[in-house]
Amino acid sequence: GETHSLDSVAEAAGLTRRTFTRRFQKSIGASFGDWLTS
């Protein structure tokens, strides 16, 4: 129910935006925005 941005979640994961995006795509198989909506 709260606001979650790609940058804030990447920071919580201890990763740069680029590294988080690459790992997320490899692990989940979707973009962060698409996963969040799901």
ModelCIF file with pLDDT and N, C-alpha, C, O atoms, coordinates in Angstrom:
data_MODEL
#
_entry.id   MODEL 
#
_entity.id                         1 
_entity.type                       polymer 
_entity.pdbx_number_of_molecules   1 
#
_entity_poly.entity_id                      1 
_entity_poly.type                           'polypeptide(L)' 
_entity_poly.nstd_linkage                   no 
_entity_poly.nstd_monomer                   no 
_entity_poly.pdbx_seq_one_letter_code       GETHSLDSVAEAAGLTRRTFTRRFQKSIGASFGDWLTS 
_entity_poly.pdbx_seq_one_letter_code_can   GETHSLDSVAEAAGLTRRTFTRRFQKSIGASFGDWLTS 
_entity_poly.pdbx_strand_id                 A 
#
loop_
_entity_poly_seq.entity_id 
_entity_poly_seq.num 
_entity_poly_seq.mon_id 
_entity_poly_seq.hetero 
1 1  GLY n 
1 2  GLU n 
1 3  THR n 
1 4  HIS n 
1 5  SER n 
1 6  LEU n 
1 7  ASP n 
1 8  SER n 
1 9  VAL n 
1 10 ALA n 
1 11 GLU n 
1 12 ALA n 
1 13 ALA n 
1 14 GLY n 
1 15 LEU n 
1 16 THR n 
1 17 ARG n 
1 18 ARG n 
1 19 THR n 
1 20 PHE n 
1 21 THR n 
1 22 ARG n 
1 23 ARG n 
1 24 PHE n 
1 25 GLN n 
1 26 LYS n 
1 27 SER n 
1 28 ILE n 
1 29 GLY n 
1 30 ALA n 
1 31 SER n 
1 32 PHE n 
1 33 GLY n 
1 34 ASP n 
1 35 TRP n 
1 36 LEU n 
1 37 THR n 
1 38 SER n 
#
_struct_asym.id          A 
_struct_asym.entity_id   1 
#
loop_
_ma_qa_metric.id 
_ma_qa_metric.mode 
_ma_qa_metric.name 
_ma_qa_metric.software_group_id 
_ma_qa_metric.type 
1 global pLDDT . pLDDT 
2 local  pLDDT . pLDDT 
#
_ma_qa_metric_global.metric_id      1 
_ma_qa_metric_global.metric_value   89.97 
_ma_qa_metric_global.model_id       1 
_ma_qa_metric_global.ordinal_id     1 
#
loop_
_ma_qa_metric_local.label_asym_id 
_ma_qa_metric_local.label_comp_id 
_ma_qa_metric_local.label_seq_id 
_ma_qa_metric_local.metric_id 
_ma_qa_metric_local.metric_value 
_ma_qa_metric_local.model_id 
_ma_qa_metric_local.ordinal_id 
A GLY 1  2 92.00 1 1  
A GLU 2  2 93.00 1 2  
A THR 3  2 93.00 1 3  
A HIS 4  2 95.00 1 4  
A SER 5  2 94.00 1 5  
A LEU 6  2 93.00 1 6  
A ASP 7  2 94.00 1 7  
A SER 8  2 94.00 1 8  
A VAL 9  2 94.00 1 9  
A ALA 10 2 94.00 1 10 
A GLU 11 2 94.00 1 11 
A ALA 12 2 93.00 1 12 
A ALA 13 2 92.00 1 13 
A GLY 14 2 93.00 1 14 
A LEU 15 2 93.00 1 15 
A THR 16 2 94.00 1 16 
A ARG 17 2 94.00 1 17 
A ARG 18 2 93.00 1 18 
A THR 19 2 93.00 1 19 
A PHE 20 2 93.00 1 20 
A THR 21 2 93.00 1 21 
A ARG 22 2 90.00 1 22 
A ARG 23 2 88.00 1 23 
A PHE 24 2 88.00 1 24 
A GLN 25 2 84.00 1 25 
A LYS 26 2 78.00 1 26 
A SER 27 2 75.00 1 27 
A ILE 28 2 77.00 1 28 
A GLY 29 2 74.00 1 29 
A ALA 30 2 79.00 1 30 
A SER 31 2 89.00 1 31 
A PHE 32 2 92.00 1 32 
A GLY 33 2 92.00 1 33 
A ASP 34 2 89.00 1 34 
A TRP 35 2 90.00 1 35 
A LEU 36 2 93.00 1 36 
A THR 37 2 93.00 1 37 
A SER 38 2 87.00 1 38 
#
loop_
_atom_site.group_PDB 
_atom_site.id 
_atom_site.type_symbol 
_atom_site.label_atom_id 
_atom_site.label_alt_id 
_atom_site.label_comp_id 
_atom_site.label_asym_id 
_atom_site.label_entity_id 
_atom_site.label_seq_id 
_atom_site.pdbx_PDB_ins_code 
_atom_site.Cartn_x 
_atom_site.Cartn_y 
_atom_site.Cartn_z 
_atom_site.occupancy 
_atom_site.B_iso_or_equiv 
_atom_site.pdbx_formal_charge 
_atom_site.auth_seq_id 
_atom_site.auth_comp_id 
_atom_site.auth_asym_id 
_atom_site.auth_atom_id 
_atom_site.pdbx_PDB_model_num 
ATOM 1   N N  . GLY A 1 1  ? 0.796  -1.214  0.000   1.00 92.00 ? 1  GLY A N  1 
ATOM 2   C CA . GLY A 1 1  ? 0.000  0.000   0.000   1.00 92.00 ? 1  GLY A CA 1 
ATOM 3   C C  . GLY A 1 1  ? 0.834  1.272   0.000   1.00 92.00 ? 1  GLY A C  1 
ATOM 4   O O  . GLY A 1 1  ? 0.305  2.364   -0.209  1.00 92.00 ? 1  GLY A O  1 
ATOM 5   N N  . GLU A 1 2  ? 2.136  1.135   0.233   1.00 93.00 ? 2  GLU A N  1 
ATOM 6   C CA . GLU A 1 2  ? 3.025  2.284   0.252   1.00 93.00 ? 2  GLU A CA 1 
ATOM 7   C C  . GLU A 1 2  ? 3.659  2.504   -1.120  1.00 93.00 ? 2  GLU A C  1 
ATOM 8   O O  . GLU A 1 2  ? 3.545  1.670   -2.019  1.00 93.00 ? 2  GLU A O  1 
ATOM 9   N N  . THR A 1 3  ? 4.324  3.639   -1.255  1.00 93.00 ? 3  THR A N  1 
ATOM 10  C CA . THR A 1 3  ? 5.002  3.966   -2.510  1.00 93.00 ? 3  THR A CA 1 
ATOM 11  C C  . THR A 1 3  ? 6.370  3.273   -2.546  1.00 93.00 ? 3  THR A C  1 
ATOM 12  O O  . THR A 1 3  ? 7.136  3.339   -1.584  1.00 93.00 ? 3  THR A O  1 
ATOM 13  N N  . HIS A 1 4  ? 6.660  2.614   -3.663  1.00 95.00 ? 4  HIS A N  1 
ATOM 14  C CA . HIS A 1 4  ? 7.945  1.928   -3.831  1.00 95.00 ? 4  HIS A CA 1 
ATOM 15  C C  . HIS A 1 4  ? 8.524  2.286   -5.191  1.00 95.00 ? 4  HIS A C  1 
ATOM 16  O O  . HIS A 1 4  ? 7.935  1.982   -6.228  1.00 95.00 ? 4  HIS A O  1 
ATOM 17  N N  . SER A 1 5  ? 9.670  2.928   -5.175  1.00 94.00 ? 5  SER A N  1 
ATOM 18  C CA . SER A 1 5  ? 10.338 3.263   -6.429  1.00 94.00 ? 5  SER A CA 1 
ATOM 19  C C  . SER A 1 5  ? 11.479 2.289   -6.665  1.00 94.00 ? 5  SER A C  1 
ATOM 20  O O  . SER A 1 5  ? 11.962 1.643   -5.735  1.00 94.00 ? 5  SER A O  1 
ATOM 21  N N  . LEU A 1 6  ? 11.900 2.189   -7.902  1.00 93.00 ? 6  LEU A N  1 
ATOM 22  C CA . LEU A 1 6  ? 13.018 1.324   -8.250  1.00 93.00 ? 6  LEU A CA 1 
ATOM 23  C C  . LEU A 1 6  ? 14.264 1.723   -7.468  1.00 93.00 ? 6  LEU A C  1 
ATOM 24  O O  . LEU A 1 6  ? 14.989 0.859   -6.976  1.00 93.00 ? 6  LEU A O  1 
ATOM 25  N N  . ASP A 1 7  ? 14.517 3.010   -7.352  1.00 94.00 ? 7  ASP A N  1 
ATOM 26  C CA . ASP A 1 7  ? 15.712 3.485   -6.654  1.00 94.00 ? 7  ASP A CA 1 
ATOM 27  C C  . ASP A 1 7  ? 15.670 3.145   -5.174  1.00 94.00 ? 7  ASP A C  1 
ATOM 28  O O  . ASP A 1 7  ? 16.679 2.718   -4.614  1.00 94.00 ? 7  ASP A O  1 
ATOM 29  N N  . SER A 1 8  ? 14.516 3.328   -4.526  1.00 94.00 ? 8  SER A N  1 
ATOM 30  C CA . SER A 1 8  ? 14.426 3.067   -3.085  1.00 94.00 ? 8  SER A CA 1 
ATOM 31  C C  . SER A 1 8  ? 14.599 1.585   -2.778  1.00 94.00 ? 8  SER A C  1 
ATOM 32  O O  . SER A 1 8  ? 15.244 1.233   -1.790  1.00 94.00 ? 8  SER A O  1 
ATOM 33  N N  . VAL A 1 9  ? 14.034 0.713   -3.607  1.00 94.00 ? 9  VAL A N  1 
ATOM 34  C CA . VAL A 1 9  ? 14.162 -0.728  -3.372  1.00 94.00 ? 9  VAL A CA 1 
ATOM 35  C C  . VAL A 1 9  ? 15.588 -1.183  -3.684  1.00 94.00 ? 9  VAL A C  1 
ATOM 36  O O  . VAL A 1 9  ? 16.135 -2.029  -2.976  1.00 94.00 ? 9  VAL A O  1 
ATOM 37  N N  . ALA A 1 10 ? 16.190 -0.634  -4.730  1.00 94.00 ? 10 ALA A N  1 
ATOM 38  C CA . ALA A 1 10 ? 17.585 -0.969  -5.035  1.00 94.00 ? 10 ALA A CA 1 
ATOM 39  C C  . ALA A 1 10 ? 18.489 -0.577  -3.881  1.00 94.00 ? 10 ALA A C  1 
ATOM 40  O O  . ALA A 1 10 ? 19.410 -1.314  -3.530  1.00 94.00 ? 10 ALA A O  1 
ATOM 41  N N  . GLU A 1 11 ? 18.228 0.586   -3.289  1.00 94.00 ? 11 GLU A N  1 
ATOM 42  C CA . GLU A 1 11 ? 19.026 1.036   -2.141  1.00 94.00 ? 11 GLU A CA 1 
ATOM 43  C C  . GLU A 1 11 ? 18.848 0.095   -0.963  1.00 94.00 ? 11 GLU A C  1 
ATOM 44  O O  . GLU A 1 11 ? 19.813 -0.234  -0.274  1.00 94.00 ? 11 GLU A O  1 
ATOM 45  N N  . ALA A 1 12 ? 17.591 -0.347  -0.726  1.00 93.00 ? 12 ALA A N  1 
ATOM 46  C CA . ALA A 1 12 ? 17.337 -1.282  0.376   1.00 93.00 ? 12 ALA A CA 1 
ATOM 47  C C  . ALA A 1 12 ? 18.047 -2.614  0.143   1.00 93.00 ? 12 ALA A C  1 
ATOM 48  O O  . ALA A 1 12 ? 18.431 -3.291  1.096   1.00 93.00 ? 12 ALA A O  1 
ATOM 49  N N  . ALA A 1 13 ? 18.218 -2.984  -1.118  1.00 92.00 ? 13 ALA A N  1 
ATOM 50  C CA . ALA A 1 13 ? 18.907 -4.235  -1.459  1.00 92.00 ? 13 ALA A CA 1 
ATOM 51  C C  . ALA A 1 13 ? 20.421 -4.082  -1.451  1.00 92.00 ? 13 ALA A C  1 
ATOM 52  O O  . ALA A 1 13 ? 21.152 -5.059  -1.610  1.00 92.00 ? 13 ALA A O  1 
ATOM 53  N N  . GLY A 1 14 ? 20.891 -2.839  -1.265  1.00 93.00 ? 14 GLY A N  1 
ATOM 54  C CA . GLY A 1 14 ? 22.332 -2.601  -1.241  1.00 93.00 ? 14 GLY A CA 1 
ATOM 55  C C  . GLY A 1 14 ? 22.973 -2.687  -2.613  1.00 93.00 ? 14 GLY A C  1 
ATOM 56  O O  . GLY A 1 14 ? 24.147 -3.039  -2.735  1.00 93.00 ? 14 GLY A O  1 
ATOM 57  N N  . LEU A 1 15 ? 22.191 -2.361  -3.663  1.00 93.00 ? 15 LEU A N  1 
ATOM 58  C CA . LEU A 1 15 ? 22.682 -2.470  -5.025  1.00 93.00 ? 15 LEU A CA 1 
ATOM 59  C C  . LEU A 1 15 ? 22.469 -1.156  -5.766  1.00 93.00 ? 15 LEU A C  1 
ATOM 60  O O  . LEU A 1 15 ? 21.594 -0.364  -5.414  1.00 93.00 ? 15 LEU A O  1 
ATOM 61  N N  . THR A 1 16 ? 23.269 -0.938  -6.783  1.00 94.00 ? 16 THR A N  1 
ATOM 62  C CA . THR A 1 16 ? 23.018 0.200   -7.650  1.00 94.00 ? 16 THR A CA 1 
ATOM 63  C C  . THR A 1 16 ? 21.764 -0.078  -8.464  1.00 94.00 ? 16 THR A C  1 
ATOM 64  O O  . THR A 1 16 ? 21.343 -1.227  -8.596  1.00 94.00 ? 16 THR A O  1 
ATOM 65  N N  . ARG A 1 17 ? 21.179 0.961   -9.001  1.00 94.00 ? 17 ARG A N  1 
ATOM 66  C CA . ARG A 1 17 ? 19.966 0.809   -9.819  1.00 94.00 ? 17 ARG A CA 1 
ATOM 67  C C  . ARG A 1 17 ? 20.221 -0.164  -10.962 1.00 94.00 ? 17 ARG A C  1 
ATOM 68  O O  . ARG A 1 17 ? 19.395 -1.037  -11.229 1.00 94.00 ? 17 ARG A O  1 
ATOM 69  N N  . ARG A 1 18 ? 21.355 -0.022  -11.638 1.00 93.00 ? 18 ARG A N  1 
ATOM 70  C CA . ARG A 1 18 ? 21.663 -0.863  -12.793 1.00 93.00 ? 18 ARG A CA 1 
ATOM 71  C C  . ARG A 1 18 ? 21.851 -2.321  -12.397 1.00 93.00 ? 18 ARG A C  1 
ATOM 72  O O  . ARG A 1 18 ? 21.336 -3.222  -13.057 1.00 93.00 ? 18 ARG A O  1 
ATOM 73  N N  . THR A 1 19 ? 22.608 -2.552  -11.291 1.00 93.00 ? 19 THR A N  1 
ATOM 74  C CA . THR A 1 19 ? 22.846 -3.932  -10.846 1.00 93.00 ? 19 THR A CA 1 
ATOM 75  C C  . THR A 1 19 ? 21.555 -4.575  -10.360 1.00 93.00 ? 19 THR A C  1 
ATOM 76  O O  . THR A 1 19 ? 21.295 -5.745  -10.641 1.00 93.00 ? 19 THR A O  1 
ATOM 77  N N  . PHE A 1 20 ? 20.742 -3.809  -9.628  1.00 93.00 ? 20 PHE A N  1 
ATOM 78  C CA . PHE A 1 20 ? 19.460 -4.323  -9.146  1.00 93.00 ? 20 PHE A CA 1 
ATOM 79  C C  . PHE A 1 20 ? 18.558 -4.710  -10.317 1.00 93.00 ? 20 PHE A C  1 
ATOM 80  O O  . PHE A 1 20 ? 17.932 -5.770  -10.310 1.00 93.00 ? 20 PHE A O  1 
ATOM 81  N N  . THR A 1 21 ? 18.502 -3.837  -11.321 1.00 93.00 ? 21 THR A N  1 
ATOM 82  C CA . THR A 1 21 ? 17.641 -4.109  -12.482 1.00 93.00 ? 21 THR A CA 1 
ATOM 83  C C  . THR A 1 21 ? 18.084 -5.378  -13.191 1.00 93.00 ? 21 THR A C  1 
ATOM 84  O O  . THR A 1 21 ? 17.253 -6.199  -13.582 1.00 93.00 ? 21 THR A O  1 
ATOM 85  N N  . ARG A 1 22 ? 19.400 -5.542  -13.357 1.00 90.00 ? 22 ARG A N  1 
ATOM 86  C CA . ARG A 1 22 ? 19.914 -6.723  -14.046 1.00 90.00 ? 22 ARG A CA 1 
ATOM 87  C C  . ARG A 1 22 ? 19.610 -7.990  -13.240 1.00 90.00 ? 22 ARG A C  1 
ATOM 88  O O  . ARG A 1 22 ? 19.171 -8.996  -13.798 1.00 90.00 ? 22 ARG A O  1 
ATOM 89  N N  . ARG A 1 23 ? 19.848 -7.934  -11.921 1.00 88.00 ? 23 ARG A N  1 
ATOM 90  C CA . ARG A 1 23 ? 19.591 -9.115  -11.089 1.00 88.00 ? 23 ARG A CA 1 
ATOM 91  C C  . ARG A 1 23 ? 18.104 -9.421  -11.023 1.00 88.00 ? 23 ARG A C  1 
ATOM 92  O O  . ARG A 1 23 ? 17.703 -10.584 -11.043 1.00 88.00 ? 23 ARG A O  1 
ATOM 93  N N  . PHE A 1 24 ? 17.282 -8.373  -10.946 1.00 88.00 ? 24 PHE A N  1 
ATOM 94  C CA . PHE A 1 24 ? 15.827 -8.579  -10.871 1.00 88.00 ? 24 PHE A CA 1 
ATOM 95  C C  . PHE A 1 24 ? 15.318 -9.269  -12.127 1.00 88.00 ? 24 PHE A C  1 
ATOM 96  O O  . PHE A 1 24 ? 14.525 -10.207 -12.050 1.00 88.00 ? 24 PHE A O  1 
ATOM 97  N N  . GLN A 1 25 ? 15.769 -8.809  -13.266 1.00 84.00 ? 25 GLN A N  1 
ATOM 98  C CA . GLN A 1 25 ? 15.339 -9.403  -14.525 1.00 84.00 ? 25 GLN A CA 1 
ATOM 99  C C  . GLN A 1 25 ? 15.772 -10.863 -14.621 1.00 84.00 ? 25 GLN A C  1 
ATOM 100 O O  . GLN A 1 25 ? 15.022 -11.712 -15.102 1.00 84.00 ? 25 GLN A O  1 
ATOM 101 N N  . LYS A 1 26 ? 16.984 -11.143 -14.160 1.00 78.00 ? 26 LYS A N  1 
ATOM 102 C CA . LYS A 1 26 ? 17.495 -12.512 -14.219 1.00 78.00 ? 26 LYS A CA 1 
ATOM 103 C C  . LYS A 1 26 ? 16.764 -13.423 -13.234 1.00 78.00 ? 26 LYS A C  1 
ATOM 104 O O  . LYS A 1 26 ? 16.480 -14.578 -13.552 1.00 78.00 ? 26 LYS A O  1 
ATOM 105 N N  . SER A 1 27 ? 16.457 -12.909 -12.038 1.00 75.00 ? 27 SER A N  1 
ATOM 106 C CA . SER A 1 27 ? 15.829 -13.728 -11.000 1.00 75.00 ? 27 SER A CA 1 
ATOM 107 C C  . SER A 1 27 ? 14.326 -13.887 -11.192 1.00 75.00 ? 27 SER A C  1 
ATOM 108 O O  . SER A 1 27 ? 13.780 -14.974 -11.002 1.00 75.00 ? 27 SER A O  1 
ATOM 109 N N  . ILE A 1 28 ? 13.665 -12.807 -11.566 1.00 77.00 ? 28 ILE A N  1 
ATOM 110 C CA . ILE A 1 28 ? 12.204 -12.803 -11.629 1.00 77.00 ? 28 ILE A CA 1 
ATOM 111 C C  . ILE A 1 28 ? 11.680 -12.979 -13.043 1.00 77.00 ? 28 ILE A C  1 
ATOM 112 O O  . ILE A 1 28 ? 10.601 -13.535 -13.246 1.00 77.00 ? 28 ILE A O  1 
ATOM 113 N N  . GLY A 1 29 ? 12.448 -12.502 -14.027 1.00 74.00 ? 29 GLY A N  1 
ATOM 114 C CA . GLY A 1 29 ? 12.016 -12.625 -15.416 1.00 74.00 ? 29 GLY A CA 1 
ATOM 115 C C  . GLY A 1 29 ? 11.053 -11.549 -15.843 1.00 74.00 ? 29 GLY A C  1 
ATOM 116 O O  . GLY A 1 29 ? 10.315 -11.720 -16.813 1.00 74.00 ? 29 GLY A O  1 
ATOM 117 N N  . ALA A 1 30 ? 11.051 -10.433 -15.124 1.00 79.00 ? 30 ALA A N  1 
ATOM 118 C CA . ALA A 1 30 ? 10.174 -9.317  -15.464 1.00 79.00 ? 30 ALA A CA 1 
ATOM 119 C C  . ALA A 1 30 ? 10.813 -8.031  -14.964 1.00 79.00 ? 30 ALA A C  1 
ATOM 120 O O  . ALA A 1 30 ? 11.796 -8.074  -14.223 1.00 79.00 ? 30 ALA A O  1 
ATOM 121 N N  . SER A 1 31 ? 10.269 -6.896  -15.359 1.00 89.00 ? 31 SER A N  1 
ATOM 122 C CA . SER A 1 31 ? 10.756 -5.630  -14.837 1.00 89.00 ? 31 SER A CA 1 
ATOM 123 C C  . SER A 1 31 ? 10.214 -5.424  -13.431 1.00 89.00 ? 31 SER A C  1 
ATOM 124 O O  . SER A 1 31 ? 9.221  -6.040  -13.046 1.00 89.00 ? 31 SER A O  1 
ATOM 125 N N  . PHE A 1 32 ? 10.873 -4.550  -12.662 1.00 92.00 ? 32 PHE A N  1 
ATOM 126 C CA . PHE A 1 32 ? 10.410 -4.292  -11.304 1.00 92.00 ? 32 PHE A CA 1 
ATOM 127 C C  . PHE A 1 32 ? 8.995  -3.722  -11.319 1.00 92.00 ? 32 PHE A C  1 
ATOM 128 O O  . PHE A 1 32 ? 8.159  -4.125  -10.509 1.00 92.00 ? 32 PHE A O  1 
ATOM 129 N N  . GLY A 1 33 ? 8.719  -2.796  -12.223 1.00 92.00 ? 33 GLY A N  1 
ATOM 130 C CA . GLY A 1 33 ? 7.393  -2.189  -12.293 1.00 92.00 ? 33 GLY A CA 1 
ATOM 131 C C  . GLY A 1 33 ? 6.317  -3.204  -12.604 1.00 92.00 ? 33 GLY A C  1 
ATOM 132 O O  . GLY A 1 33 ? 5.237  -3.159  -12.015 1.00 92.00 ? 33 GLY A O  1 
ATOM 133 N N  . ASP A 1 34 ? 6.592  -4.129  -13.529 1.00 89.00 ? 34 ASP A N  1 
ATOM 134 C CA . ASP A 1 34 ? 5.614  -5.154  -13.889 1.00 89.00 ? 34 ASP A CA 1 
ATOM 135 C C  . ASP A 1 34 ? 5.373  -6.090  -12.713 1.00 89.00 ? 34 ASP A C  1 
ATOM 136 O O  . ASP A 1 34 ? 4.232  -6.462  -12.439 1.00 89.00 ? 34 ASP A O  1 
ATOM 137 N N  . TRP A 1 35 ? 6.442  -6.473  -12.014 1.00 90.00 ? 35 TRP A N  1 
ATOM 138 C CA . TRP A 1 35 ? 6.316  -7.354  -10.845 1.00 90.00 ? 35 TRP A CA 1 
ATOM 139 C C  . TRP A 1 35 ? 5.526  -6.674  -9.742  1.00 90.00 ? 35 TRP A C  1 
ATOM 140 O O  . TRP A 1 35 ? 4.668  -7.299  -9.118  1.00 90.00 ? 35 TRP A O  1 
ATOM 141 N N  . LEU A 1 36 ? 5.806  -5.393  -9.494  1.00 93.00 ? 36 LEU A N  1 
ATOM 142 C CA . LEU A 1 36 ? 5.107  -4.666  -8.446  1.00 93.00 ? 36 LEU A CA 1 
ATOM 143 C C  . LEU A 1 36 ? 3.609  -4.598  -8.732  1.00 93.00 ? 36 LEU A C  1 
ATOM 144 O O  . LEU A 1 36 ? 2.789  -4.782  -7.832  1.00 93.00 ? 36 LEU A O  1 
ATOM 145 N N  . THR A 1 37 ? 3.264  -4.337  -9.972  1.00 93.00 ? 37 THR A N  1 
ATOM 146 C CA . THR A 1 37 ? 1.844  -4.309  -10.335 1.00 93.00 ? 37 THR A CA 1 
ATOM 147 C C  . THR A 1 37 ? 1.204  -5.676  -10.133 1.00 93.00 ? 37 THR A C  1 
ATOM 148 O O  . THR A 1 37 ? 0.079  -5.763  -9.641  1.00 93.00 ? 37 THR A O  1 
ATOM 149 N N  . SER A 1 38 ? 1.909  -6.751  -10.508 1.00 87.00 ? 38 SER A N  1 
ATOM 150 C CA . SER A 1 38 ? 1.381  -8.111  -10.317 1.00 87.00 ? 38 SER A CA 1 
ATOM 151 C C  . SER A 1 38 ? 1.150  -8.407  -8.845  1.00 87.00 ? 38 SER A C  1 
ATOM 152 O O  . SER A 1 38 ? 0.709  -9.502  -8.497  1.00 87.00 ? 38 SER A O  1 
#
